[in-house]
Amino acid sequence: MSDQYASVQKGSLKLKGKGVVSAGKKKKKKGKEKKHRLEQQINTNKNEEEETKSGYIDKRTPAQMAFDKMQEKRQMERILNKAEKTHKRRVEDFNRHLDTLTEHYDIPKVSWTK
């Protein structure tokens, strides 16, 4: 039975970073070159964004553009029609409309005897 455990190491668990500091690994310092590269990348990204904004390419089909144009035109017509009437005029038109409706909500006269 002792043969099975012959390869096991005895002793306490050793953690990395505790105890003796290894002299082989040193922290690398960030140089000015890295900062300079980051600044250049940021500047180039800003320039590319400005170019794409100014050179916007419309990817819609002619039918889609015509549809959008007609939608805008109809919306402007609706806005102008609504702005044309005053509130007083709208109320008068609504009352005229209600006068033309049948009075289906009136309760008919019901008589049990006649």
PDB file of N, CA and C in Angstrom:
ATOM      1  N   MET A   1       0.803  -1.178   0.000  1.00  0.00           N
ATOM      2  CA  MET A   1       0.000   0.000   0.000  1.00  0.00           C
ATOM      3  C   MET A   1       0.858   1.258   0.000  1.00  0.00           C
ATOM      4  N   SER A   2       1.976   1.219   0.628  1.00  0.00           N
ATOM      5  CA  SER A   2       2.868   2.376   0.664  1.00  0.00           C
ATOM      6  C   SER A   2       3.508   2.619  -0.699  1.00  0.00           C
ATOM      7  N   ASP A   3       3.512   1.602  -1.571  1.00  0.00           N
ATOM      8  CA  ASP A   3       4.066   1.776  -2.927  1.00  0.00           C
ATOM      9  C   ASP A   3       3.206   2.732  -3.764  1.00  0.00           C
ATOM     10  N   GLN A   4       1.912   2.737  -3.515  1.00  0.00           N
ATOM     11  CA  GLN A   4       1.026   3.613  -4.289  1.00  0.00           C
ATOM     12  C   GLN A   4       1.285   5.082  -3.992  1.00  0.00           C
ATOM     13  N   TYR A   5       1.672   5.405  -2.789  1.00  0.00           N
ATOM     14  CA  TYR A   5       1.864   6.797  -2.387  1.00  0.00           C
ATOM     15  C   TYR A   5       3.332   7.191  -2.346  1.00  0.00           C
ATOM     16  N   ALA A   6       4.207   6.423  -2.959  1.00  0.00           N
ATOM     17  CA  ALA A   6       5.638   6.710  -2.920  1.00  0.00           C
ATOM     18  C   ALA A   6       5.989   7.970  -3.716  1.00  0.00           C
ATOM     19  N   SER A   7       5.219   8.296  -4.787  1.00  0.00           N
ATOM     20  CA  SER A   7       5.553   9.442  -5.634  1.00  0.00           C
ATOM     21  C   SER A   7       4.970  10.766  -5.116  1.00  0.00           C
ATOM     22  N   VAL A   8       4.222  10.721  -4.037  1.00  0.00           N
ATOM     23  CA  VAL A   8       3.574  11.931  -3.508  1.00  0.00           C
ATOM     24  C   VAL A   8       4.591  12.730  -2.705  1.00  0.00           C
ATOM     25  N   GLN A   9       4.588  14.070  -2.904  1.00  0.00           N
ATOM     26  CA  GLN A   9       5.477  14.930  -2.134  1.00  0.00           C
ATOM     27  C   GLN A   9       4.834  15.265  -0.809  1.00  0.00           C
ATOM     28  N   LYS A  10       5.633  15.250   0.210  1.00  0.00           N
ATOM     29  CA  LYS A  10       5.135  15.570   1.538  1.00  0.00           C
ATOM     30  C   LYS A  10       5.524  16.997   1.864  1.00  0.00           C
ATOM     31  N   GLY A  11       4.731  17.641   2.672  1.00  0.00           N
ATOM     32  CA  GLY A  11       5.066  18.993   3.112  1.00  0.00           C
ATOM     33  C   GLY A  11       3.905  19.941   2.858  1.00  0.00           C
ATOM     34  N   SER A  12       4.138  21.193   3.178  1.00  0.00           N
ATOM     35  CA  SER A  12       3.076  22.190   3.056  1.00  0.00           C
ATOM     36  C   SER A  12       2.928  22.651   1.605  1.00  0.00           C
ATOM     37  N   LEU A  13       1.789  23.229   1.319  1.00  0.00           N
ATOM     38  CA  LEU A  13       1.488  23.722  -0.016  1.00  0.00           C
ATOM     39  C   LEU A  13       2.256  25.007  -0.249  1.00  0.00           C
ATOM     40  N   LYS A  14       2.909  25.123  -1.390  1.00  0.00           N
ATOM     41  CA  LYS A  14       3.693  26.308  -1.696  1.00  0.00           C
ATOM     42  C   LYS A  14       2.930  27.136  -2.734  1.00  0.00           C
ATOM     43  N   LEU A  15       2.673  28.395  -2.404  1.00  0.00           N
ATOM     44  CA  LEU A  15       1.942  29.299  -3.286  1.00  0.00           C
ATOM     45  C   LEU A  15       2.903  30.191  -4.047  1.00  0.00           C
ATOM     46  N   LYS A  16       2.507  30.564  -5.270  1.00  0.00           N
ATOM     47  CA  LYS A  16       3.333  31.470  -6.067  1.00  0.00           C
ATOM     48  C   LYS A  16       3.247  32.867  -5.473  1.00  0.00           C
ATOM     49  N   GLY A  17       4.349  33.597  -5.528  1.00  0.00           N
ATOM     50  CA  GLY A  17       4.351  34.960  -5.057  1.00  0.00           C
ATOM     51  C   GLY A  17       4.629  35.096  -3.575  1.00  0.00           C
ATOM     52  N   LYS A  18       4.564  34.050  -2.850  1.00  0.00           N
ATOM     53  CA  LYS A  18       4.844  34.094  -1.423  1.00  0.00           C
ATOM     54  C   LYS A  18       6.288  33.646  -1.195  1.00  0.00           C
ATOM     55  N   GLY A  19       6.892  34.180  -0.196  1.00  0.00           N
ATOM     56  CA  GLY A  19       8.238  33.725   0.143  1.00  0.00           C
ATOM     57  C   GLY A  19       9.276  34.395  -0.731  1.00  0.00           C
ATOM     58  N   VAL A  20      10.122  33.615  -1.364  1.00  0.00           N
ATOM     59  CA  VAL A  20      11.249  34.118  -2.135  1.00  0.00           C
ATOM     60  C   VAL A  20      10.743  34.719  -3.446  1.00  0.00           C
ATOM     61  N   VAL A  21      11.195  35.962  -3.734  1.00  0.00           N
ATOM     62  CA  VAL A  21      10.807  36.631  -4.978  1.00  0.00           C
ATOM     63  C   VAL A  21      11.788  36.205  -6.046  1.00  0.00           C
ATOM     64  N   SER A  22      11.249  35.742  -7.167  1.00  0.00           N
ATOM     65  CA  SER A  22      12.138  35.296  -8.238  1.00  0.00           C
ATOM     66  C   SER A  22      12.730  36.507  -8.946  1.00  0.00           C
ATOM     67  N   ALA A  23      14.003  36.470  -9.237  1.00  0.00           N
ATOM     68  CA  ALA A  23      14.700  37.583  -9.878  1.00  0.00           C
ATOM     69  C   ALA A  23      14.582  37.504 -11.393  1.00  0.00           C
ATOM     70  N   GLY A  24      14.038  36.432 -11.926  1.00  0.00           N
ATOM     71  CA  GLY A  24      13.965  36.242 -13.369  1.00  0.00           C
ATOM     72  C   GLY A  24      12.915  37.107 -14.052  1.00  0.00           C
ATOM     73  N   LYS A  25      11.804  37.394 -13.411  1.00  0.00           N
ATOM     74  CA  LYS A  25      10.732  38.151 -14.039  1.00  0.00           C
ATOM     75  C   LYS A  25      10.772  39.596 -13.566  1.00  0.00           C
ATOM     76  N   LYS A  26      10.786  40.520 -14.513  1.00  0.00           N
ATOM     77  CA  LYS A  26      10.741  41.932 -14.195  1.00  0.00           C
ATOM     78  C   LYS A  26       9.562  42.559 -14.910  1.00  0.00           C
ATOM     79  N   LYS A  27       8.960  43.559 -14.306  1.00  0.00           N
ATOM     80  CA  LYS A  27       7.844  44.242 -14.932  1.00  0.00           C
ATOM     81  C   LYS A  27       8.369  45.143 -16.037  1.00  0.00           C
ATOM     82  N   LYS A  28       7.660  45.124 -17.154  1.00  0.00           N
ATOM     83  CA  LYS A  28       8.042  45.988 -18.261  1.00  0.00           C
ATOM     84  C   LYS A  28       7.403  47.352 -18.062  1.00  0.00           C
ATOM     85  N   LYS A  29       8.154  48.397 -18.368  1.00  0.00           N
ATOM     86  CA  LYS A  29       7.642  49.748 -18.244  1.00  0.00           C
ATOM     87  C   LYS A  29       7.027  50.180 -19.568  1.00  0.00           C
ATOM     88  N   LYS A  30       5.909  50.894 -19.461  1.00  0.00           N
ATOM     89  CA  LYS A  30       5.284  51.408 -20.663  1.00  0.00           C
ATOM     90  C   LYS A  30       6.087  52.617 -21.135  1.00  0.00           C
ATOM     91  N   GLY A  31       6.462  52.564 -22.380  1.00  0.00           N
ATOM     92  CA  GLY A  31       7.287  53.637 -22.921  1.00  0.00           C
ATOM     93  C   GLY A  31       6.459  54.726 -23.574  1.00  0.00           C
ATOM     94  N   LYS A  32       7.168  55.769 -23.990  1.00  0.00           N
ATOM     95  CA  LYS A  32       6.526  56.889 -24.673  1.00  0.00           C
ATOM     96  C   LYS A  32       6.031  56.461 -26.046  1.00  0.00           C
ATOM     97  N   GLU A  33       6.687  55.458 -26.621  1.00  0.00           N
ATOM     98  CA  GLU A  33       6.303  55.000 -27.958  1.00  0.00           C
ATOM     99  C   GLU A  33       4.869  54.465 -27.970  1.00  0.00           C
ATOM    100  N   LYS A  34       4.506  53.753 -26.945  1.00  0.00           N
ATOM    101  CA  LYS A  34       3.165  53.176 -26.889  1.00  0.00           C
ATOM    102  C   LYS A  34       2.115  54.283 -26.809  1.00  0.00           C
ATOM    103  N   LYS A  35       2.394  55.316 -26.008  1.00  0.00           N
ATOM    104  CA  LYS A  35       1.475  56.447 -25.905  1.00  0.00           C
ATOM    105  C   LYS A  35       1.370  57.154 -27.250  1.00  0.00           C
ATOM    106  N   HIS A  36       2.486  57.298 -27.910  1.00  0.00           N
ATOM    107  CA  HIS A  36       2.512  57.968 -29.212  1.00  0.00           C
ATOM    108  C   HIS A  36       1.690  57.188 -30.247  1.00  0.00           C
ATOM    109  N   ARG A  37       1.825  55.869 -30.226  1.00  0.00           N
ATOM    110  CA  ARG A  37       1.051  55.026 -31.147  1.00  0.00           C
ATOM    111  C   ARG A  37      -0.441  55.159 -30.881  1.00  0.00           C
ATOM    112  N   LEU A  38      -0.833  55.159 -29.609  1.00  0.00           N
ATOM    113  CA  LEU A  38      -2.245  55.305 -29.269  1.00  0.00           C
ATOM    114  C   LEU A  38      -2.800  56.639 -29.753  1.00  0.00           C
ATOM    115  N   GLU A  39      -2.017  57.706 -29.588  1.00  0.00           N
ATOM    116  CA  GLU A  39      -2.465  59.021 -30.058  1.00  0.00           C
ATOM    117  C   GLU A  39      -2.651  59.027 -31.568  1.00  0.00           C
ATOM    118  N   GLN A  40      -1.730  58.384 -32.286  1.00  0.00           N
ATOM    119  CA  GLN A  40      -1.845  58.315 -33.742  1.00  0.00           C
ATOM    120  C   GLN A  40      -3.083  57.529 -34.154  1.00  0.00           C
ATOM    121  N   GLN A  41      -3.355  56.434 -33.472  1.00  0.00           N
ATOM    122  CA  GLN A  41      -4.539  55.628 -33.791  1.00  0.00           C
ATOM    123  C   GLN A  41      -5.819  56.416 -33.555  1.00  0.00           C
ATOM    124  N   ILE A  42      -5.858  57.158 -32.468  1.00  0.00           N
ATOM    125  CA  ILE A  42      -7.049  57.968 -32.169  1.00  0.00           C
ATOM    126  C   ILE A  42      -7.245  59.027 -33.240  1.00  0.00           C
ATOM    127  N   ASN A  43      -6.155  59.678 -33.639  1.00  0.00           N
ATOM    128  CA  ASN A  43      -6.249  60.709 -34.677  1.00  0.00           C
ATOM    129  C   ASN A  43      -6.706  60.135 -36.007  1.00  0.00           C
ATOM    130  N   THR A  44      -6.190  58.959 -36.376  1.00  0.00           N
ATOM    131  CA  THR A  44      -6.593  58.359 -37.646  1.00  0.00           C
ATOM    132  C   THR A  44      -8.048  57.916 -37.595  1.00  0.00           C
ATOM    133  N   ASN A  45      -8.500  57.405 -36.448  1.00  0.00           N
ATOM    134  CA  ASN A  45      -9.906  57.011 -36.310  1.00  0.00           C
ATOM    135  C   ASN A  45     -10.827  58.218 -36.458  1.00  0.00           C
ATOM    136  N   LYS A  46     -10.434  59.353 -35.877  1.00  0.00           N
ATOM    137  CA  LYS A  46     -11.252  60.564 -35.989  1.00  0.00           C
ATOM    138  C   LYS A  46     -11.322  61.025 -37.438  1.00  0.00           C
ATOM    139  N   ASN A  47     -10.189  60.976 -38.130  1.00  0.00           N
ATOM    140  CA  ASN A  47     -10.159  61.392 -39.531  1.00  0.00           C
ATOM    141  C   ASN A  47     -11.040  60.491 -40.391  1.00  0.00           C
ATOM    142  N   GLU A  48     -10.994  59.184 -40.138  1.00  0.00           N
ATOM    143  CA  GLU A  48     -11.813  58.237 -40.909  1.00  0.00           C
ATOM    144  C   GLU A  48     -13.298  58.473 -40.666  1.00  0.00           C
ATOM    145  N   GLU A  49     -13.662  58.774 -39.408  1.00  0.00           N
ATOM    146  CA  GLU A  49     -15.064  59.042 -39.093  1.00  0.00           C
ATOM    147  C   GLU A  49     -15.555  60.294 -39.809  1.00  0.00           C
ATOM    148  N   GLU A  50     -14.709  61.329 -39.838  1.00  0.00           N
ATOM    149  CA  GLU A  50     -15.094  62.564 -40.527  1.00  0.00           C
ATOM    150  C   GLU A  50     -15.275  62.319 -42.015  1.00  0.00           C
ATOM    151  N   GLU A  51     -14.411  61.505 -42.609  1.00  0.00           N
ATOM    152  CA  GLU A  51     -14.510  61.207 -44.031  1.00  0.00           C
ATOM    153  C   GLU A  51     -15.781  60.420 -44.338  1.00  0.00           C
ATOM    154  N   THR A  52     -16.121  59.467 -43.474  1.00  0.00           N
ATOM    155  CA  THR A  52     -17.323  58.666 -43.732  1.00  0.00           C
ATOM    156  C   THR A  52     -18.582  59.495 -43.557  1.00  0.00           C
ATOM    157  N   LYS A  53     -18.570  60.459 -42.637  1.00  0.00           N
ATOM    158  CA  LYS A  53     -19.734  61.306 -42.449  1.00  0.00           C
ATOM    159  C   LYS A  53     -19.935  62.218 -43.655  1.00  0.00           C
ATOM    160  N   SER A  54     -18.858  62.791 -44.154  1.00  0.00           N
ATOM    161  CA  SER A  54     -18.986  63.709 -45.288  1.00  0.00           C
ATOM    162  C   SER A  54     -19.270  62.952 -46.579  1.00  0.00           C
ATOM    163  N   GLY A  55     -18.776  61.740 -46.719  1.00  0.00           N
ATOM    164  CA  GLY A  55     -18.968  60.953 -47.931  1.00  0.00           C
ATOM    165  C   GLY A  55     -20.027  59.889 -47.744  1.00  0.00           C
ATOM    166  N   TYR A  56     -21.173  60.253 -47.171  1.00  0.00           N
ATOM    167  CA  TYR A  56     -22.241  59.284 -46.913  1.00  0.00           C
ATOM    168  C   TYR A  56     -22.814  58.787 -48.233  1.00  0.00           C
ATOM    169  N   ILE A  57     -22.898  57.476 -48.362  1.00  0.00           N
ATOM    170  CA  ILE A  57     -23.434  56.861 -49.573  1.00  0.00           C
ATOM    171  C   ILE A  57     -24.817  56.327 -49.250  1.00  0.00           C
ATOM    172  N   ASP A  58     -25.803  56.773 -50.029  1.00  0.00           N
ATOM    173  CA  ASP A  58     -27.179  56.332 -49.825  1.00  0.00           C
ATOM    174  C   ASP A  58     -27.354  54.981 -50.492  1.00  0.00           C
ATOM    175  N   LYS A  59     -27.698  53.963 -49.714  1.00  0.00           N
ATOM    176  CA  LYS A  59     -27.800  52.596 -50.232  1.00  0.00           C
ATOM    177  C   LYS A  59     -29.234  52.185 -50.519  1.00  0.00           C
ATOM    178  N   ARG A  60     -30.141  53.169 -50.562  1.00  0.00           N
ATOM    179  CA  ARG A  60     -31.540  52.844 -50.832  1.00  0.00           C
ATOM    180  C   ARG A  60     -31.779  52.720 -52.331  1.00  0.00           C
ATOM    181  N   THR A  61     -32.767  51.932 -52.672  1.00  0.00           N
ATOM    182  CA  THR A  61     -33.128  51.777 -54.083  1.00  0.00           C
ATOM    183  C   THR A  61     -33.941  52.992 -54.512  1.00  0.00           C
ATOM    184  N   PRO A  62     -34.069  53.236 -55.813  1.00  0.00           N
ATOM    185  CA  PRO A  62     -34.871  54.380 -56.283  1.00  0.00           C
ATOM    186  C   PRO A  62     -36.323  54.303 -55.801  1.00  0.00           C
ATOM    187  N   ALA A  63     -36.872  53.097 -55.715  1.00  0.00           N
ATOM    188  CA  ALA A  63     -38.238  52.938 -55.244  1.00  0.00           C
ATOM    189  C   ALA A  63     -38.361  53.351 -53.770  1.00  0.00           C
ATOM    190  N   GLN A  64     -37.360  52.993 -52.968  1.00  0.00           N
ATOM    191  CA  GLN A  64     -37.387  53.370 -51.560  1.00  0.00           C
ATOM    192  C   GLN A  64     -37.280  54.883 -51.395  1.00  0.00           C
ATOM    193  N   MET A  65     -36.431  55.505 -52.220  1.00  0.00           N
ATOM    194  CA  MET A  65     -36.285  56.951 -52.142  1.00  0.00           C
ATOM    195  C   MET A  65     -37.583  57.646 -52.546  1.00  0.00           C
ATOM    196  N   ALA A  66     -38.237  57.143 -53.601  1.00  0.00           N
ATOM    197  CA  ALA A  66     -39.504  57.725 -54.041  1.00  0.00           C
ATOM    198  C   ALA A  66     -40.571  57.558 -52.964  1.00  0.00           C
ATOM    199  N   PHE A  67     -40.589  56.391 -52.330  1.00  0.00           N
ATOM    200  CA  PHE A  67     -41.553  56.125 -51.259  1.00  0.00           C
ATOM    201  C   PHE A  67     -41.366  57.106 -50.112  1.00  0.00           C
ATOM    202  N   ASP A  68     -40.112  57.287 -49.675  1.00  0.00           N
ATOM    203  CA  ASP A  68     -39.829  58.208 -48.577  1.00  0.00           C
ATOM    204  C   ASP A  68     -40.200  59.640 -48.942  1.00  0.00           C
ATOM    205  N   LYS A  69     -39.944  60.014 -50.191  1.00  0.00           N
ATOM    206  CA  LYS A  69     -40.266  61.365 -50.648  1.00  0.00           C
ATOM    207  C   LYS A  69     -41.776  61.600 -50.605  1.00  0.00           C
ATOM    208  N   MET A  70     -42.552  60.608 -51.056  1.00  0.00           N
ATOM    209  CA  MET A  70     -44.008  60.737 -51.043  1.00  0.00           C
ATOM    210  C   MET A  70     -44.535  60.755 -49.608  1.00  0.00           C
ATOM    211  N   GLN A  71     -43.924  59.966 -48.736  1.00  0.00           N
ATOM    212  CA  GLN A  71     -44.338  59.965 -47.322  1.00  0.00           C
ATOM    213  C   GLN A  71     -44.161  61.355 -46.717  1.00  0.00           C
ATOM    214  N   GLU A  72     -43.013  61.976 -46.984  1.00  0.00           N
ATOM    215  CA  GLU A  72     -42.753  63.317 -46.464  1.00  0.00           C
ATOM    216  C   GLU A  72     -43.757  64.314 -47.031  1.00  0.00           C
ATOM    217  N   LYS A  73     -44.043  64.191 -48.325  1.00  0.00           N
ATOM    218  CA  LYS A  73     -44.981  65.099 -48.976  1.00  0.00           C
ATOM    219  C   LYS A  73     -46.369  64.979 -48.351  1.00  0.00           C
ATOM    220  N   ARG A  74     -46.839  63.740 -48.144  1.00  0.00           N
ATOM    221  CA  ARG A  74     -48.161  63.524 -47.548  1.00  0.00           C
ATOM    222  C   ARG A  74     -48.208  64.032 -46.111  1.00  0.00           C
ATOM    223  N   GLN A  75     -47.119  63.825 -45.385  1.00  0.00           N
ATOM    224  CA  GLN A  75     -47.078  64.290 -44.005  1.00  0.00           C
ATOM    225  C   GLN A  75     -47.153  65.818 -43.957  1.00  0.00           C
ATOM    226  N   MET A  76     -46.468  66.483 -44.870  1.00  0.00           N
ATOM    227  CA  MET A  76     -46.519  67.943 -44.919  1.00  0.00           C
ATOM    228  C   MET A  76     -47.930  68.419 -45.263  1.00  0.00           C
ATOM    229  N   GLU A  77     -48.615  67.717 -46.178  1.00  0.00           N
ATOM    230  CA  GLU A  77     -49.988  68.077 -46.523  1.00  0.00           C
ATOM    231  C   GLU A  77     -50.905  67.942 -45.314  1.00  0.00           C
ATOM    232  N   ARG A  78     -50.756  66.844 -44.544  1.00  0.00           N
ATOM    233  CA  ARG A  78     -51.565  66.650 -43.345  1.00  0.00           C
ATOM    234  C   ARG A  78     -51.326  67.759 -42.333  1.00  0.00           C
ATOM    235  N   ILE A  79     -50.078  68.120 -42.152  1.00  0.00           N
ATOM    236  CA  ILE A  79     -49.737  69.171 -41.196  1.00  0.00           C
ATOM    237  C   ILE A  79     -50.348  70.496 -41.620  1.00  0.00           C
ATOM    238  N   LEU A  80     -50.247  70.802 -42.919  1.00  0.00           N
ATOM    239  CA  LEU A  80     -50.815  72.052 -43.413  1.00  0.00           C
ATOM    240  C   LEU A  80     -52.331  72.070 -43.288  1.00  0.00           C
ATOM    241  N   ASN A  81     -52.985  70.941 -43.552  1.00  0.00           N
ATOM    242  CA  ASN A  81     -54.443  70.863 -43.409  1.00  0.00           C
ATOM    243  C   ASN A  81     -54.874  71.067 -41.959  1.00  0.00           C
ATOM    244  N   LYS A  82     -54.133  70.483 -41.030  1.00  0.00           N
ATOM    245  CA  LYS A  82     -54.479  70.652 -39.621  1.00  0.00           C
ATOM    246  C   LYS A  82     -54.206  72.075 -39.152  1.00  0.00           C
ATOM    247  N   ALA A  83     -53.158  72.683 -39.655  1.00  0.00           N
ATOM    248  CA  ALA A  83     -52.809  74.036 -39.245  1.00  0.00           C
ATOM    249  C   ALA A  83     -53.761  75.059 -39.867  1.00  0.00           C
ATOM    250  N   GLU A  84     -54.424  74.674 -40.927  1.00  0.00           N
ATOM    251  CA  GLU A  84     -55.321  75.566 -41.653  1.00  0.00           C
ATOM    252  C   GLU A  84     -56.566  75.912 -40.834  1.00  0.00           C
ATOM    253  N   LYS A  85     -57.082  74.933 -40.086  1.00  0.00           N
ATOM    254  CA  LYS A  85     -58.312  75.131 -39.327  1.00  0.00           C
ATOM    255  C   LYS A  85     -58.008  75.583 -37.903  1.00  0.00           C
ATOM    256  N   THR A  86     -58.852  76.474 -37.408  1.00  0.00           N
ATOM    257  CA  THR A  86     -58.737  76.877 -36.015  1.00  0.00           C
ATOM    258  C   THR A  86     -59.501  75.867 -35.166  1.00  0.00           C
ATOM    259  N   HIS A  87     -59.331  75.965 -33.888  1.00  0.00           N
ATOM    260  CA  HIS A  87     -60.024  75.051 -32.977  1.00  0.00           C
ATOM    261  C   HIS A  87     -61.542  75.253 -33.090  1.00  0.00           C
ATOM    262  N   LYS A  88     -61.934  76.503 -33.170  1.00  0.00           N
ATOM    263  CA  LYS A  88     -63.364  76.805 -33.274  1.00  0.00           C
ATOM    264  C   LYS A  88     -63.965  76.156 -34.519  1.00  0.00           C
ATOM    265  N   ARG A  89     -63.241  76.235 -35.613  1.00  0.00           N
ATOM    266  CA  ARG A  89     -63.716  75.662 -36.876  1.00  0.00           C
ATOM    267  C   ARG A  89     -63.823  74.135 -36.763  1.00  0.00           C
ATOM    268  N   ARG A  90     -62.827  73.527 -36.123  1.00  0.00           N
ATOM    269  CA  ARG A  90     -62.852  72.071 -35.945  1.00  0.00           C
ATOM    270  C   ARG A  90     -64.049  71.632 -35.109  1.00  0.00           C
ATOM    271  N   VAL A  91     -64.339  72.371 -34.047  1.00  0.00           N
ATOM    272  CA  VAL A  91     -65.470  72.034 -33.179  1.00  0.00           C
ATOM    273  C   VAL A  91     -66.776  72.156 -33.951  1.00  0.00           C
ATOM    274  N   GLU A  92     -66.908  73.205 -34.763  1.00  0.00           N
ATOM    275  CA  GLU A  92     -68.122  73.382 -35.566  1.00  0.00           C
ATOM    276  C   GLU A  92     -68.305  72.219 -36.548  1.00  0.00           C
ATOM    277  N   ASP A  93     -67.219  71.817 -37.198  1.00  0.00           N
ATOM    278  CA  ASP A  93     -67.300  70.688 -38.138  1.00  0.00           C
ATOM    279  C   ASP A  93     -67.683  69.397 -37.415  1.00  0.00           C
ATOM    280  N   PHE A  94     -67.139  69.201 -36.247  1.00  0.00           N
ATOM    281  CA  PHE A  94     -67.445  68.002 -35.478  1.00  0.00           C
ATOM    282  C   PHE A  94     -68.910  67.991 -35.059  1.00  0.00           C
ATOM    283  N   ASN A  95     -69.415  69.125 -34.614  1.00  0.00           N
ATOM    284  CA  ASN A  95     -70.828  69.217 -34.218  1.00  0.00           C
ATOM    285  C   ASN A  95     -71.742  68.967 -35.409  1.00  0.00           C
ATOM    286  N   ARG A  96     -71.377  69.499 -36.578  1.00  0.00           N
ATOM    287  CA  ARG A  96     -72.153  69.266 -37.783  1.00  0.00           C
ATOM    288  C   ARG A  96     -72.180  67.772 -38.115  1.00  0.00           C
ATOM    289  N   HIS A  97     -71.058  67.109 -37.946  1.00  0.00           N
ATOM    290  CA  HIS A  97     -70.958  65.675 -38.191  1.00  0.00           C
ATOM    291  C   HIS A  97     -71.850  64.892 -37.226  1.00  0.00           C
ATOM    292  N   LEU A  98     -71.838  65.283 -35.959  1.00  0.00           N
ATOM    293  CA  LEU A  98     -72.677  64.599 -34.965  1.00  0.00           C
ATOM    294  C   LEU A  98     -74.158  64.797 -35.255  1.00  0.00           C
ATOM    295  N   ASP A  99     -74.527  65.965 -35.798  1.00  0.00           N
ATOM    296  CA  ASP A  99     -75.933  66.218 -36.134  1.00  0.00           C
ATOM    297  C   ASP A  99     -76.418  65.308 -37.251  1.00  0.00           C
ATOM    298  N   THR A 100     -75.529  64.936 -38.139  1.00  0.00           N
ATOM    299  CA  THR A 100     -75.934  64.072 -39.255  1.00  0.00           C
ATOM    300  C   THR A 100     -76.091  62.622 -38.847  1.00  0.00           C
ATOM    301  N   LEU A 101     -75.499  62.226 -37.748  1.00  0.00           N
ATOM    302  CA  LEU A 101     -75.585  60.832 -37.303  1.00  0.00           C
ATOM    303  C   LEU A 101     -76.981  60.528 -36.771  1.00  0.00           C
ATOM    304  N   THR A 102     -77.361  59.268 -36.925  1.00  0.00           N
ATOM    305  CA  THR A 102     -78.638  58.852 -36.354  1.00  0.00           C
ATOM    306  C   THR A 102     -78.490  58.711 -34.860  1.00  0.00           C
ATOM    307  N   GLU A 103     -79.557  58.889 -34.175  1.00  0.00           N
ATOM    308  CA  GLU A 103     -79.510  58.823 -32.719  1.00  0.00           C
ATOM    309  C   GLU A 103     -79.838  57.402 -32.269  1.00  0.00           C
ATOM    310  N   HIS A 104     -78.935  56.508 -32.537  1.00  0.00           N
ATOM    311  CA  HIS A 104     -79.163  55.099 -32.218  1.00  0.00           C
ATOM    312  C   HIS A 104     -79.079  54.825 -30.725  1.00  0.00           C
ATOM    313  N   TYR A 105     -78.512  55.744 -29.992  1.00  0.00           N
ATOM    314  CA  TYR A 105     -78.340  55.524 -28.561  1.00  0.00           C
ATOM    315  C   TYR A 105     -79.596  55.916 -27.769  1.00  0.00           C
ATOM    316  N   ASP A 106     -80.594  56.546 -28.429  1.00  0.00           N
ATOM    317  CA  ASP A 106     -81.837  56.879 -27.740  1.00  0.00           C
ATOM    318  C   ASP A 106     -82.612  55.603 -27.419  1.00  0.00           C
ATOM    319  N   ILE A 107     -83.233  55.588 -26.252  1.00  0.00           N
ATOM    320  CA  ILE A 107     -84.012  54.425 -25.840  1.00  0.00           C
ATOM    321  C   ILE A 107     -85.418  54.575 -26.437  1.00  0.00           C
ATOM    322  N   PRO A 108     -85.825  53.614 -27.248  1.00  0.00           N
ATOM    323  CA  PRO A 108     -87.186  53.719 -27.792  1.00  0.00           C
ATOM    324  C   PRO A 108     -88.255  53.535 -26.696  1.00  0.00           C
ATOM    325  N   LYS A 109     -89.417  54.122 -26.951  1.00  0.00           N
ATOM    326  CA  LYS A 109     -90.478  54.041 -25.957  1.00  0.00           C
ATOM    327  C   LYS A 109     -91.064  52.632 -25.996  1.00  0.00           C
ATOM    328  N   VAL A 110     -91.092  52.014 -24.839  1.00  0.00           N
ATOM    329  CA  VAL A 110     -91.596  50.651 -24.730  1.00  0.00           C
ATOM    330  C   VAL A 110     -92.821  50.684 -23.822  1.00  0.00           C
ATOM    331  N   SER A 111     -93.881  50.083 -24.301  1.00  0.00           N
ATOM    332  CA  SER A 111     -95.098  50.040 -23.514  1.00  0.00           C
ATOM    333  C   SER A 111     -95.554  48.605 -23.390  1.00  0.00           C
ATOM    334  N   TRP A 112     -95.802  48.151 -22.177  1.00  0.00           N
ATOM    335  CA  TRP A 112     -96.226  46.786 -21.956  1.00  0.00           C
ATOM    336  C   TRP A 112     -97.722  46.606 -22.230  1.00  0.00           C
ATOM    337  N   THR A 113     -98.417  47.654 -22.084  1.00  0.00           N
ATOM    338  CA  THR A 113     -99.872  47.527 -22.231  1.00  0.00           C
ATOM    339  C   THR A 113    -100.327  47.777 -23.657  1.00  0.00           C
ATOM    340  N   LYS A 114     -99.624  48.521 -24.414  1.00  0.00           N
ATOM    341  CA  LYS A 114    -100.098  48.846 -25.778  1.00  0.00           C
ATOM    342  C   LYS A 114     -99.239  48.247 -26.832  1.00  0.00           C
TER     343      LYS A 114
END
